[in-house]
PDB file of N, CA and C in Angstrom:
ATOM      1  N   MET A   1     -61.154 -21.618 -11.668  1.00  0.00           N
ATOM      2  CA  MET A   1     -60.383 -20.942 -10.599  1.00  0.00           C
ATOM      3  C   MET A   1     -58.810 -21.728 -11.057  1.00  0.00           C
ATOM      4  N   LYS A   2     -57.474 -20.941 -10.738  1.00  0.00           N
ATOM      5  CA  LYS A   2     -56.544 -21.446 -10.953  1.00  0.00           C
ATOM      6  C   LYS A   2     -55.425 -21.341  -9.931  1.00  0.00           C
ATOM      7  N   PHE A   3     -54.531 -22.387  -9.678  1.00  0.00           N
ATOM      8  CA  PHE A   3     -53.706 -22.248  -8.625  1.00  0.00           C
ATOM      9  C   PHE A   3     -52.273 -21.784  -9.174  1.00  0.00           C
ATOM     10  N   ILE A   4     -51.442 -20.684  -8.583  1.00  0.00           N
ATOM     11  CA  ILE A   4     -50.263 -20.336  -9.230  1.00  0.00           C
ATOM     12  C   ILE A   4     -49.071 -20.606  -8.342  1.00  0.00           C
ATOM     13  N   THR A   5     -48.355 -21.418  -8.546  1.00  0.00           N
ATOM     14  CA  THR A   5     -46.788 -21.250  -7.882  1.00  0.00           C
ATOM     15  C   THR A   5     -45.805 -20.771  -8.473  1.00  0.00           C
ATOM     16  N   ALA A   6     -45.293 -20.031  -7.772  1.00  0.00           N
ATOM     17  CA  ALA A   6     -44.105 -19.085  -8.227  1.00  0.00           C
ATOM     18  C   ALA A   6     -43.003 -19.215  -7.331  1.00  0.00           C
ATOM     19  N   ILE A   7     -42.056 -19.629  -8.056  1.00  0.00           N
ATOM     20  CA  ILE A   7     -40.444 -19.794  -7.518  1.00  0.00           C
ATOM     21  C   ILE A   7     -39.732 -18.616  -7.687  1.00  0.00           C
ATOM     22  N   LEU A   8     -39.211 -17.840  -6.621  1.00  0.00           N
ATOM     23  CA  LEU A   8     -38.225 -16.650  -7.179  1.00  0.00           C
ATOM     24  C   LEU A   8     -37.253 -16.225  -6.159  1.00  0.00           C
ATOM     25  N   ARG A   9     -36.547 -15.246  -6.649  1.00  0.00           N
ATOM     26  CA  ARG A   9     -35.366 -14.844  -5.795  1.00  0.00           C
ATOM     27  C   ARG A   9     -35.738 -14.380  -4.131  1.00  0.00           C
ATOM     28  N   PRO A  10     -35.052 -14.677  -3.161  1.00  0.00           N
ATOM     29  CA  PRO A  10     -35.914 -14.334  -2.074  1.00  0.00           C
ATOM     30  C   PRO A  10     -35.897 -12.569  -1.888  1.00  0.00           C
ATOM     31  N   HIS A  11     -35.008 -11.888  -2.427  1.00  0.00           N
ATOM     32  CA  HIS A  11     -34.872 -10.135  -2.432  1.00  0.00           C
ATOM     33  C   HIS A  11     -36.089  -9.786  -3.236  1.00  0.00           C
ATOM     34  N   GLN A  12     -36.820 -10.548  -3.931  1.00  0.00           N
ATOM     35  CA  GLN A  12     -37.579  -9.984  -4.974  1.00  0.00           C
ATOM     36  C   GLN A  12     -39.383 -10.208  -4.340  1.00  0.00           C
ATOM     37  N   LEU A  13     -39.100 -10.747  -3.183  1.00  0.00           N
ATOM     38  CA  LEU A  13     -40.417 -10.926  -2.609  1.00  0.00           C
ATOM     39  C   LEU A  13     -41.360  -9.849  -2.012  1.00  0.00           C
ATOM     40  N   ASP A  14     -40.729  -8.730  -1.494  1.00  0.00           N
ATOM     41  CA  ASP A  14     -41.471  -7.633  -1.222  1.00  0.00           C
ATOM     42  C   ASP A  14     -42.053  -7.062  -2.224  1.00  0.00           C
ATOM     43  N   ASP A  15     -41.002  -6.787  -3.556  1.00  0.00           N
ATOM     44  CA  ASP A  15     -42.026  -5.864  -4.452  1.00  0.00           C
ATOM     45  C   ASP A  15     -43.114  -6.786  -5.236  1.00  0.00           C
ATOM     46  N   VAL A  16     -42.582  -7.901  -5.057  1.00  0.00           N
ATOM     47  CA  VAL A  16     -43.819  -9.012  -5.928  1.00  0.00           C
ATOM     48  C   VAL A  16     -45.143  -8.717  -4.859  1.00  0.00           C
ATOM     49  N   ARG A  17     -44.894  -8.767  -4.028  1.00  0.00           N
ATOM     50  CA  ARG A  17     -46.144  -8.642  -2.899  1.00  0.00           C
ATOM     51  C   ARG A  17     -47.268  -7.451  -2.879  1.00  0.00           C
ATOM     52  N   GLU A  18     -46.197  -6.596  -3.111  1.00  0.00           N
ATOM     53  CA  GLU A  18     -46.906  -5.095  -3.345  1.00  0.00           C
ATOM     54  C   GLU A  18     -47.494  -5.246  -4.294  1.00  0.00           C
ATOM     55  N   ALA A  19     -46.599  -5.436  -5.635  1.00  0.00           N
ATOM     56  CA  ALA A  19     -47.342  -5.408  -7.031  1.00  0.00           C
ATOM     57  C   ALA A  19     -48.520  -6.305  -7.117  1.00  0.00           C
ATOM     58  N   LEU A  20     -48.776  -7.611  -6.488  1.00  0.00           N
ATOM     59  CA  LEU A  20     -49.925  -8.289  -6.716  1.00  0.00           C
ATOM     60  C   LEU A  20     -51.041  -7.769  -5.776  1.00  0.00           C
ATOM     61  N   SER A  21     -50.838  -7.149  -4.416  1.00  0.00           N
ATOM     62  CA  SER A  21     -51.683  -6.450  -3.773  1.00  0.00           C
ATOM     63  C   SER A  21     -52.403  -5.647  -4.611  1.00  0.00           C
ATOM     64  N   GLU A  22     -51.688  -4.555  -5.393  1.00  0.00           N
ATOM     65  CA  GLU A  22     -52.043  -3.615  -6.302  1.00  0.00           C
ATOM     66  C   GLU A  22     -52.809  -4.075  -7.353  1.00  0.00           C
ATOM     67  N   ALA A  23     -52.675  -5.293  -7.829  1.00  0.00           N
ATOM     68  CA  ALA A  23     -53.334  -6.466  -8.955  1.00  0.00           C
ATOM     69  C   ALA A  23     -54.549  -6.662  -8.327  1.00  0.00           C
ATOM     70  N   GLY A  24     -54.422  -6.492  -7.099  1.00  0.00           N
ATOM     71  CA  GLY A  24     -56.184  -7.143  -6.186  1.00  0.00           C
ATOM     72  C   GLY A  24     -56.102  -8.493  -5.953  1.00  0.00           C
ATOM     73  N   VAL A  25     -54.775  -9.160  -5.717  1.00  0.00           N
ATOM     74  CA  VAL A  25     -54.635 -10.391  -5.189  1.00  0.00           C
ATOM     75  C   VAL A  25     -54.789 -10.490  -3.646  1.00  0.00           C
ATOM     76  N   SER A  26     -55.881 -11.136  -3.022  1.00  0.00           N
ATOM     77  CA  SER A  26     -56.099 -10.854  -1.592  1.00  0.00           C
ATOM     78  C   SER A  26     -55.391 -11.523  -0.785  1.00  0.00           C
ATOM     79  N   GLY A  27     -54.534 -12.520  -1.085  1.00  0.00           N
ATOM     80  CA  GLY A  27     -53.869 -13.486  -0.370  1.00  0.00           C
ATOM     81  C   GLY A  27     -52.953 -14.549  -1.212  1.00  0.00           C
ATOM     82  N   ILE A  28     -51.553 -14.428  -0.285  1.00  0.00           N
ATOM     83  CA  ILE A  28     -50.526 -15.416  -0.997  1.00  0.00           C
ATOM     84  C   ILE A  28     -50.199 -16.360   0.360  1.00  0.00           C
ATOM     85  N   THR A  29     -49.409 -17.719  -0.027  1.00  0.00           N
ATOM     86  CA  THR A  29     -48.455 -18.075   1.111  1.00  0.00           C
ATOM     87  C   THR A  29     -47.483 -18.117   0.575  1.00  0.00           C
ATOM     88  N   VAL A  30     -46.167 -17.908   1.373  1.00  0.00           N
ATOM     89  CA  VAL A  30     -44.910 -17.888   1.134  1.00  0.00           C
ATOM     90  C   VAL A  30     -44.161 -18.992   2.009  1.00  0.00           C
ATOM     91  N   THR A  31     -43.282 -19.395   1.049  1.00  0.00           N
ATOM     92  CA  THR A  31     -42.635 -20.750   1.956  1.00  0.00           C
ATOM     93  C   THR A  31     -41.263 -20.577   1.307  1.00  0.00           C
ATOM     94  N   GLU A  32     -40.081 -20.556   2.278  1.00  0.00           N
ATOM     95  CA  GLU A  32     -38.772 -20.375   2.086  1.00  0.00           C
ATOM     96  C   GLU A  32     -38.433 -21.780   1.695  1.00  0.00           C
ATOM     97  N   VAL A  33     -37.851 -22.036   0.627  1.00  0.00           N
ATOM     98  CA  VAL A  33     -37.359 -23.328  -0.145  1.00  0.00           C
ATOM     99  C   VAL A  33     -35.812 -23.129  -0.601  1.00  0.00           C
ATOM    100  N   LYS A  34     -35.240 -24.270  -0.856  1.00  0.00           N
ATOM    101  CA  LYS A  34     -33.960 -24.130  -1.822  1.00  0.00           C
ATOM    102  C   LYS A  34     -34.118 -25.266  -3.100  1.00  0.00           C
ATOM    103  N   GLY A  35     -33.228 -24.816  -4.174  1.00  0.00           N
ATOM    104  CA  GLY A  35     -33.210 -25.681  -5.062  1.00  0.00           C
ATOM    105  C   GLY A  35     -32.138 -25.001  -6.068  1.00  0.00           C
ATOM    106  N   PHE A  36     -32.356 -25.955  -7.283  1.00  0.00           N
ATOM    107  CA  PHE A  36     -31.537 -25.404  -8.345  1.00  0.00           C
ATOM    108  C   PHE A  36     -32.143 -25.912  -9.685  1.00  0.00           C
ATOM    109  N   GLY A  37     -31.742 -24.924 -10.711  1.00  0.00           N
ATOM    110  CA  GLY A  37     -32.408 -25.114 -12.063  1.00  0.00           C
ATOM    111  C   GLY A  37     -30.793 -25.121 -12.911  1.00  0.00           C
ATOM    112  N   ARG A  38     -31.094 -24.041 -13.922  1.00  0.00           N
ATOM    113  CA  ARG A  38     -29.867 -23.991 -14.960  1.00  0.00           C
ATOM    114  C   ARG A  38     -28.620 -23.346 -14.094  1.00  0.00           C
ATOM    115  N   GLN A  39     -28.829 -22.757 -12.952  1.00  0.00           N
ATOM    116  CA  GLN A  39     -28.030 -22.092 -12.209  1.00  0.00           C
ATOM    117  C   GLN A  39     -26.986 -23.417 -11.544  1.00  0.00           C
ATOM    118  N   LYS A  40     -27.441 -24.143 -11.028  1.00  0.00           N
ATOM    119  CA  LYS A  40     -26.615 -25.420 -10.553  1.00  0.00           C
ATOM    120  C   LYS A  40     -25.820 -25.183  -9.574  1.00  0.00           C
ATOM    121  N   GLY A  41     -26.003 -24.124  -8.596  1.00  0.00           N
ATOM    122  CA  GLY A  41     -25.437 -24.151  -7.405  1.00  0.00           C
ATOM    123  C   GLY A  41     -24.365 -22.930  -7.759  1.00  0.00           C
ATOM    124  N   HIS A  42     -23.194 -22.649  -6.749  1.00  0.00           N
ATOM    125  CA  HIS A  42     -22.085 -21.816  -6.999  1.00  0.00           C
ATOM    126  C   HIS A  42     -21.162 -22.452  -6.056  1.00  0.00           C
ATOM    127  N   THR A  43     -19.898 -21.560  -6.372  1.00  0.00           N
ATOM    128  CA  THR A  43     -18.741 -21.999  -5.190  1.00  0.00           C
ATOM    129  C   THR A  43     -18.517 -20.969  -4.390  1.00  0.00           C
ATOM    130  N   GLU A  44     -18.466 -21.124  -3.198  1.00  0.00           N
ATOM    131  CA  GLU A  44     -18.134 -20.054  -2.394  1.00  0.00           C
ATOM    132  C   GLU A  44     -16.917 -20.358  -1.312  1.00  0.00           C
ATOM    133  N   LEU A  45     -16.163 -19.314  -0.993  1.00  0.00           N
ATOM    134  CA  LEU A  45     -15.304 -19.488   0.048  1.00  0.00           C
ATOM    135  C   LEU A  45     -15.560 -19.424   1.672  1.00  0.00           C
ATOM    136  N   TYR A  46     -15.031 -20.112   2.270  1.00  0.00           N
ATOM    137  CA  TYR A  46     -15.422 -20.041   3.616  1.00  0.00           C
ATOM    138  C   TYR A  46     -14.079 -20.463   4.593  1.00  0.00           C
ATOM    139  N   ARG A  47     -13.276 -19.302   5.373  1.00  0.00           N
ATOM    140  CA  ARG A  47     -12.294 -19.439   6.157  1.00  0.00           C
ATOM    141  C   ARG A  47     -11.458 -20.083   5.250  1.00  0.00           C
ATOM    142  N   GLY A  48     -10.925 -19.756   4.060  1.00  0.00           N
ATOM    143  CA  GLY A  48      -9.980 -20.301   3.121  1.00  0.00           C
ATOM    144  C   GLY A  48     -10.258 -21.677   2.586  1.00  0.00           C
ATOM    145  N   ALA A  49     -11.624 -22.460   2.798  1.00  0.00           N
ATOM    146  CA  ALA A  49     -11.840 -23.432   2.304  1.00  0.00           C
ATOM    147  C   ALA A  49     -12.751 -23.180   0.913  1.00  0.00           C
ATOM    148  N   GLU A  50     -12.752 -23.919  -0.182  1.00  0.00           N
ATOM    149  CA  GLU A  50     -13.505 -23.464  -1.042  1.00  0.00           C
ATOM    150  C   GLU A  50     -14.725 -24.570  -0.923  1.00  0.00           C
ATOM    151  N   TYR A  51     -15.868 -24.252  -1.095  1.00  0.00           N
ATOM    152  CA  TYR A  51     -16.998 -25.370  -1.054  1.00  0.00           C
ATOM    153  C   TYR A  51     -18.304 -25.347  -2.322  1.00  0.00           C
ATOM    154  N   GLN A  52     -18.861 -26.257  -2.303  1.00  0.00           N
ATOM    155  CA  GLN A  52     -19.834 -25.985  -3.351  1.00  0.00           C
ATOM    156  C   GLN A  52     -21.235 -25.810  -2.527  1.00  0.00           C
ATOM    157  N   VAL A  53     -22.155 -24.970  -3.159  1.00  0.00           N
ATOM    158  CA  VAL A  53     -23.381 -24.806  -2.548  1.00  0.00           C
ATOM    159  C   VAL A  53     -24.196 -25.159  -4.009  1.00  0.00           C
ATOM    160  N   ASP A  54     -24.855 -26.300  -3.581  1.00  0.00           N
ATOM    161  CA  ASP A  54     -25.726 -26.998  -4.532  1.00  0.00           C
ATOM    162  C   ASP A  54     -26.907 -26.552  -4.764  1.00  0.00           C
ATOM    163  N   PHE A  55     -27.532 -26.155  -3.733  1.00  0.00           N
ATOM    164  CA  PHE A  55     -29.316 -25.434  -3.550  1.00  0.00           C
ATOM    165  C   PHE A  55     -29.028 -24.085  -3.020  1.00  0.00           C
ATOM    166  N   LEU A  56     -29.703 -23.181  -4.079  1.00  0.00           N
ATOM    167  CA  LEU A  56     -29.915 -21.926  -3.714  1.00  0.00           C
ATOM    168  C   LEU A  56     -31.010 -21.476  -2.709  1.00  0.00           C
ATOM    169  N   PRO A  57     -31.131 -20.443  -2.162  1.00  0.00           N
ATOM    170  CA  PRO A  57     -32.483 -19.979  -1.584  1.00  0.00           C
ATOM    171  C   PRO A  57     -33.293 -19.852  -2.499  1.00  0.00           C
ATOM    172  N   LYS A  58     -34.686 -19.968  -2.178  1.00  0.00           N
ATOM    173  CA  LYS A  58     -35.409 -19.368  -3.004  1.00  0.00           C
ATOM    174  C   LYS A  58     -36.879 -19.141  -2.305  1.00  0.00           C
ATOM    175  N   VAL A  59     -37.881 -18.578  -2.628  1.00  0.00           N
ATOM    176  CA  VAL A  59     -39.297 -18.216  -1.979  1.00  0.00           C
ATOM    177  C   VAL A  59     -40.280 -18.670  -2.961  1.00  0.00           C
ATOM    178  N   LYS A  60     -40.987 -19.654  -2.510  1.00  0.00           N
ATOM    179  CA  LYS A  60     -42.125 -20.430  -3.256  1.00  0.00           C
ATOM    180  C   LYS A  60     -43.557 -19.608  -2.805  1.00  0.00           C
ATOM    181  N   LEU A  61     -44.212 -18.712  -3.695  1.00  0.00           N
ATOM    182  CA  LEU A  61     -45.342 -18.189  -3.528  1.00  0.00           C
ATOM    183  C   LEU A  61     -46.523 -18.958  -4.128  1.00  0.00           C
ATOM    184  N   GLU A  62     -47.526 -19.471  -3.350  1.00  0.00           N
ATOM    185  CA  GLU A  62     -48.689 -20.064  -3.776  1.00  0.00           C
ATOM    186  C   GLU A  62     -49.920 -19.230  -3.724  1.00  0.00           C
ATOM    187  N   ILE A  63     -50.485 -18.857  -4.739  1.00  0.00           N
ATOM    188  CA  ILE A  63     -51.760 -17.995  -4.919  1.00  0.00           C
ATOM    189  C   ILE A  63     -53.047 -18.689  -5.650  1.00  0.00           C
ATOM    190  N   ALA A  64     -53.951 -18.532  -5.115  1.00  0.00           N
ATOM    191  CA  ALA A  64     -55.175 -19.002  -5.646  1.00  0.00           C
ATOM    192  C   ALA A  64     -55.994 -17.901  -6.100  1.00  0.00           C
ATOM    193  N   ILE A  65     -56.397 -18.075  -7.527  1.00  0.00           N
ATOM    194  CA  ILE A  65     -57.127 -16.665  -7.759  1.00  0.00           C
ATOM    195  C   ILE A  65     -58.298 -17.440  -8.824  1.00  0.00           C
ATOM    196  N   PRO A  66     -59.118 -16.542  -9.206  1.00  0.00           N
ATOM    197  CA  PRO A  66     -60.203 -16.842 -10.383  1.00  0.00           C
ATOM    198  C   PRO A  66     -59.558 -16.710 -11.598  1.00  0.00           C
ATOM    199  N   ALA A  67     -60.186 -17.473 -12.472  1.00  0.00           N
ATOM    200  CA  ALA A  67     -59.326 -17.792 -14.059  1.00  0.00           C
ATOM    201  C   ALA A  67     -59.187 -16.651 -14.441  1.00  0.00           C
ATOM    202  N   SER A  68     -60.021 -15.746 -14.534  1.00  0.00           N
ATOM    203  CA  SER A  68     -60.344 -14.298 -15.418  1.00  0.00           C
ATOM    204  C   SER A  68     -58.898 -13.325 -14.969  1.00  0.00           C
ATOM    205  N   LYS A  69     -58.457 -13.651 -13.777  1.00  0.00           N
ATOM    206  CA  LYS A  69     -57.299 -12.834 -13.199  1.00  0.00           C
ATOM    207  C   LYS A  69     -55.882 -13.608 -13.595  1.00  0.00           C
ATOM    208  N   LEU A  70     -56.079 -14.530 -14.584  1.00  0.00           N
ATOM    209  CA  LEU A  70     -54.638 -15.295 -14.606  1.00  0.00           C
ATOM    210  C   LEU A  70     -53.391 -14.587 -15.332  1.00  0.00           C
ATOM    211  N   GLU A  71     -53.922 -13.831 -16.510  1.00  0.00           N
ATOM    212  CA  GLU A  71     -52.876 -13.224 -17.279  1.00  0.00           C
ATOM    213  C   GLU A  71     -52.497 -12.270 -16.486  1.00  0.00           C
ATOM    214  N   GLU A  72     -52.975 -11.429 -15.692  1.00  0.00           N
ATOM    215  CA  GLU A  72     -52.795 -10.176 -15.124  1.00  0.00           C
ATOM    216  C   GLU A  72     -51.498 -10.602 -14.092  1.00  0.00           C
ATOM    217  N   VAL A  73     -51.799 -11.614 -13.132  1.00  0.00           N
ATOM    218  CA  VAL A  73     -51.242 -12.080 -12.235  1.00  0.00           C
ATOM    219  C   VAL A  73     -50.120 -12.336 -12.870  1.00  0.00           C
ATOM    220  N   ILE A  74     -49.899 -13.178 -13.722  1.00  0.00           N
ATOM    221  CA  ILE A  74     -48.624 -13.802 -14.570  1.00  0.00           C
ATOM    222  C   ILE A  74     -47.677 -12.643 -14.881  1.00  0.00           C
ATOM    223  N   GLN A  75     -48.406 -11.500 -15.417  1.00  0.00           N
ATOM    224  CA  GLN A  75     -47.718 -10.587 -16.204  1.00  0.00           C
ATOM    225  C   GLN A  75     -46.969  -9.662 -14.911  1.00  0.00           C
ATOM    226  N   THR A  76     -47.737  -9.659 -13.972  1.00  0.00           N
ATOM    227  CA  THR A  76     -47.253  -8.834 -12.616  1.00  0.00           C
ATOM    228  C   THR A  76     -46.086  -9.269 -12.244  1.00  0.00           C
ATOM    229  N   ILE A  77     -46.297 -10.542 -11.978  1.00  0.00           N
ATOM    230  CA  ILE A  77     -45.020 -11.459 -11.466  1.00  0.00           C
ATOM    231  C   ILE A  77     -43.758 -11.469 -12.558  1.00  0.00           C
ATOM    232  N   THR A  78     -44.143 -11.684 -13.485  1.00  0.00           N
ATOM    233  CA  THR A  78     -42.953 -11.431 -14.297  1.00  0.00           C
ATOM    234  C   THR A  78     -42.270 -10.179 -14.747  1.00  0.00           C
ATOM    235  N   ASN A  79     -43.166  -9.251 -14.760  1.00  0.00           N
ATOM    236  CA  ASN A  79     -42.501  -7.717 -14.853  1.00  0.00           C
ATOM    237  C   ASN A  79     -41.789  -7.469 -13.568  1.00  0.00           C
ATOM    238  N   VAL A  80     -42.114  -7.684 -12.623  1.00  0.00           N
ATOM    239  CA  VAL A  80     -41.561  -7.450 -10.960  1.00  0.00           C
ATOM    240  C   VAL A  80     -40.163  -8.198 -11.031  1.00  0.00           C
ATOM    241  N   ALA A  81     -40.394  -9.552 -11.185  1.00  0.00           N
ATOM    242  CA  ALA A  81     -39.294 -10.369 -10.898  1.00  0.00           C
ATOM    243  C   ALA A  81     -38.183 -10.733 -12.039  1.00  0.00           C
ATOM    244  N   ASN A  82     -38.463 -10.268 -13.123  1.00  0.00           N
ATOM    245  CA  ASN A  82     -37.652 -10.642 -14.040  1.00  0.00           C
ATOM    246  C   ASN A  82     -36.185  -9.638 -14.135  1.00  0.00           C
ATOM    247  N   THR A  83     -35.118  -9.981 -13.791  1.00  0.00           N
ATOM    248  CA  THR A  83     -33.810  -9.175 -13.970  1.00  0.00           C
ATOM    249  C   THR A  83     -33.089  -9.834 -15.466  1.00  0.00           C
ATOM    250  N   GLY A  84     -33.733 -10.726 -15.944  1.00  0.00           N
ATOM    251  CA  GLY A  84     -32.773 -10.902 -17.238  1.00  0.00           C
ATOM    252  C   GLY A  84     -31.743 -12.008 -16.879  1.00  0.00           C
ATOM    253  N   LYS A  85     -31.364 -12.381 -15.801  1.00  0.00           N
ATOM    254  CA  LYS A  85     -30.716 -13.271 -15.662  1.00  0.00           C
ATOM    255  C   LYS A  85     -30.834 -14.803 -14.970  1.00  0.00           C
ATOM    256  N   VAL A  86     -30.165 -15.881 -15.162  1.00  0.00           N
ATOM    257  CA  VAL A  86     -30.459 -17.035 -15.071  1.00  0.00           C
ATOM    258  C   VAL A  86     -30.865 -16.990 -13.526  1.00  0.00           C
ATOM    259  N   GLY A  87     -31.629 -17.647 -13.369  1.00  0.00           N
ATOM    260  CA  GLY A  87     -32.343 -17.613 -11.857  1.00  0.00           C
ATOM    261  C   GLY A  87     -33.277 -16.969 -11.672  1.00  0.00           C
ATOM    262  N   ASP A  88     -33.955 -16.386 -12.167  1.00  0.00           N
ATOM    263  CA  ASP A  88     -35.244 -15.461 -11.958  1.00  0.00           C
ATOM    264  C   ASP A  88     -36.388 -15.989 -11.397  1.00  0.00           C
ATOM    265  N   GLY A  89     -36.331 -17.500 -11.824  1.00  0.00           N
ATOM    266  CA  GLY A  89     -37.545 -18.481 -11.481  1.00  0.00           C
ATOM    267  C   GLY A  89     -38.269 -18.639 -12.334  1.00  0.00           C
ATOM    268  N   LYS A  90     -39.537 -19.455 -12.141  1.00  0.00           N
ATOM    269  CA  LYS A  90     -40.469 -20.006 -12.506  1.00  0.00           C
ATOM    270  C   LYS A  90     -41.788 -20.104 -12.263  1.00  0.00           C
ATOM    271  N   ILE A  91     -43.138 -20.109 -13.036  1.00  0.00           N
ATOM    272  CA  ILE A  91     -44.182 -20.244 -12.435  1.00  0.00           C
ATOM    273  C   ILE A  91     -45.119 -21.070 -13.249  1.00  0.00           C
ATOM    274  N   PHE A  92     -45.722 -21.763 -12.369  1.00  0.00           N
ATOM    275  CA  PHE A  92     -46.381 -22.718 -12.562  1.00  0.00           C
ATOM    276  C   PHE A  92     -47.983 -22.727 -12.448  1.00  0.00           C
ATOM    277  N   VAL A  93     -48.739 -23.073 -13.314  1.00  0.00           N
ATOM    278  CA  VAL A  93     -50.354 -22.863 -13.401  1.00  0.00           C
ATOM    279  C   VAL A  93     -50.761 -24.124 -13.315  1.00  0.00           C
ATOM    280  N   SER A  94     -51.935 -24.434 -12.208  1.00  0.00           N
ATOM    281  CA  SER A  94     -52.619 -25.492 -12.219  1.00  0.00           C
ATOM    282  C   SER A  94     -54.218 -25.260 -11.974  1.00  0.00           C
ATOM    283  N   ASN A  95     -55.012 -26.274 -12.762  1.00  0.00           N
ATOM    284  CA  ASN A  95     -56.342 -25.816 -12.342  1.00  0.00           C
ATOM    285  C   ASN A  95     -56.987 -26.314 -10.744  1.00  0.00           C
ATOM    286  N   LEU A  96     -57.695 -25.245 -10.282  1.00  0.00           N
ATOM    287  CA  LEU A  96     -58.077 -25.420  -8.871  1.00  0.00           C
ATOM    288  C   LEU A  96     -59.402 -26.185  -8.827  1.00  0.00           C
ATOM    289  N   GLU A  97     -59.690 -27.211  -8.287  1.00  0.00           N
ATOM    290  CA  GLU A  97     -61.176 -27.917  -8.398  1.00  0.00           C
ATOM    291  C   GLU A  97     -62.238 -27.216  -7.597  1.00  0.00           C
ATOM    292  N   LYS A  98     -61.720 -27.333  -6.375  1.00  0.00           N
ATOM    293  CA  LYS A  98     -62.233 -26.519  -5.189  1.00  0.00           C
ATOM    294  C   LYS A  98     -61.722 -25.980  -4.226  1.00  0.00           C
ATOM    295  N   VAL A  99     -62.453 -25.048  -3.577  1.00  0.00           N
ATOM    296  CA  VAL A  99     -61.789 -24.278  -2.577  1.00  0.00           C
ATOM    297  C   VAL A  99     -62.922 -24.321  -1.304  1.00  0.00           C
ATOM    298  N   VAL A 100     -62.714 -24.442  -0.084  1.00  0.00           N
ATOM    299  CA  VAL A 100     -63.379 -23.946   1.287  1.00  0.00           C
ATOM    300  C   VAL A 100     -63.058 -23.342   2.140  1.00  0.00           C
ATOM    301  N   ARG A 101     -63.612 -22.101   2.650  1.00  0.00           N
ATOM    302  CA  ARG A 101     -63.437 -21.586   3.652  1.00  0.00           C
ATOM    303  C   ARG A 101     -63.438 -22.067   4.814  1.00  0.00           C
ATOM    304  N   ILE A 102     -62.852 -22.484   5.567  1.00  0.00           N
ATOM    305  CA  ILE A 102     -62.893 -23.405   6.858  1.00  0.00           C
ATOM    306  C   ILE A 102     -63.932 -22.467   7.723  1.00  0.00           C
ATOM    307  N   ARG A 103     -63.784 -21.158   8.060  1.00  0.00           N
ATOM    308  CA  ARG A 103     -64.465 -20.382   9.027  1.00  0.00           C
ATOM    309  C   ARG A 103     -66.104 -20.462   8.529  1.00  0.00           C
ATOM    310  N   THR A 104     -66.260 -19.981   7.077  1.00  0.00           N
ATOM    311  CA  THR A 104     -67.745 -19.829   7.072  1.00  0.00           C
ATOM    312  C   THR A 104     -68.268 -20.906   6.162  1.00  0.00           C
ATOM    313  N   GLY A 105     -67.589 -21.771   5.763  1.00  0.00           N
ATOM    314  CA  GLY A 105     -67.956 -22.874   4.835  1.00  0.00           C
ATOM    315  C   GLY A 105     -68.599 -22.667   3.359  1.00  0.00           C
ATOM    316  N   GLU A 106     -67.959 -21.356   3.070  1.00  0.00           N
ATOM    317  CA  GLU A 106     -67.964 -20.593   1.616  1.00  0.00           C
ATOM    318  C   GLU A 106     -67.249 -21.548   0.805  1.00  0.00           C
ATOM    319  N   THR A 107     -67.301 -21.688  -0.454  1.00  0.00           N
ATOM    320  CA  THR A 107     -66.892 -22.625  -1.692  1.00  0.00           C
ATOM    321  C   THR A 107     -66.676 -21.741  -2.531  1.00  0.00           C
ATOM    322  N   ASP A 108     -65.614 -22.390  -3.337  1.00  0.00           N
ATOM    323  CA  ASP A 108     -65.256 -21.917  -4.806  1.00  0.00           C
ATOM    324  C   ASP A 108     -64.899 -20.484  -4.758  1.00  0.00           C
ATOM    325  N   GLN A 109     -65.214 -19.841  -5.466  1.00  0.00           N
ATOM    326  CA  GLN A 109     -65.468 -18.213  -5.751  1.00  0.00           C
ATOM    327  C   GLN A 109     -65.295 -17.540  -4.666  1.00  0.00           C
ATOM    328  N   ASP A 110     -66.170 -17.905  -3.921  1.00  0.00           N
ATOM    329  CA  ASP A 110     -66.814 -17.250  -2.609  1.00  0.00           C
ATOM    330  C   ASP A 110     -65.642 -16.997  -1.602  1.00  0.00           C
ATOM    331  N   ALA A 111     -65.215 -18.237  -1.650  1.00  0.00           N
ATOM    332  CA  ALA A 111     -63.923 -18.521  -0.595  1.00  0.00           C
ATOM    333  C   ALA A 111     -62.739 -17.853  -0.999  1.00  0.00           C
ATOM    334  N   LEU A 112     -62.401 -17.339  -2.407  1.00  0.00           N
ATOM    335  CA  LEU A 112     -61.238 -16.891  -2.513  1.00  0.00           C
ATOM    336  C   LEU A 112     -61.082 -15.464  -2.212  1.00  0.00           C
TER     337      LEU A 112
END
């Protein structure tokens, strides 16, 4: 089992969610986050005053999947979220040791 964490631009969320549903992903967790990478923020103008925005709004997707779906899910996210510009995001993959569905007590693959 694998655990995918993807950091994306907020406006890409709906398209990525739809593509993942079509790819057979049964559930995702979404969190609104702020951060920066190579973009390093940007400068904005508000009421005539210029100020620096250090942290940019992003969304974090968390997805638990069987290892057999890993490449398909990565490819799906990459295809939909790629604009070719700095700030498209990152995908992190971790091993998932155990999953338990609280309601039924099912574990591991059955709990996904």
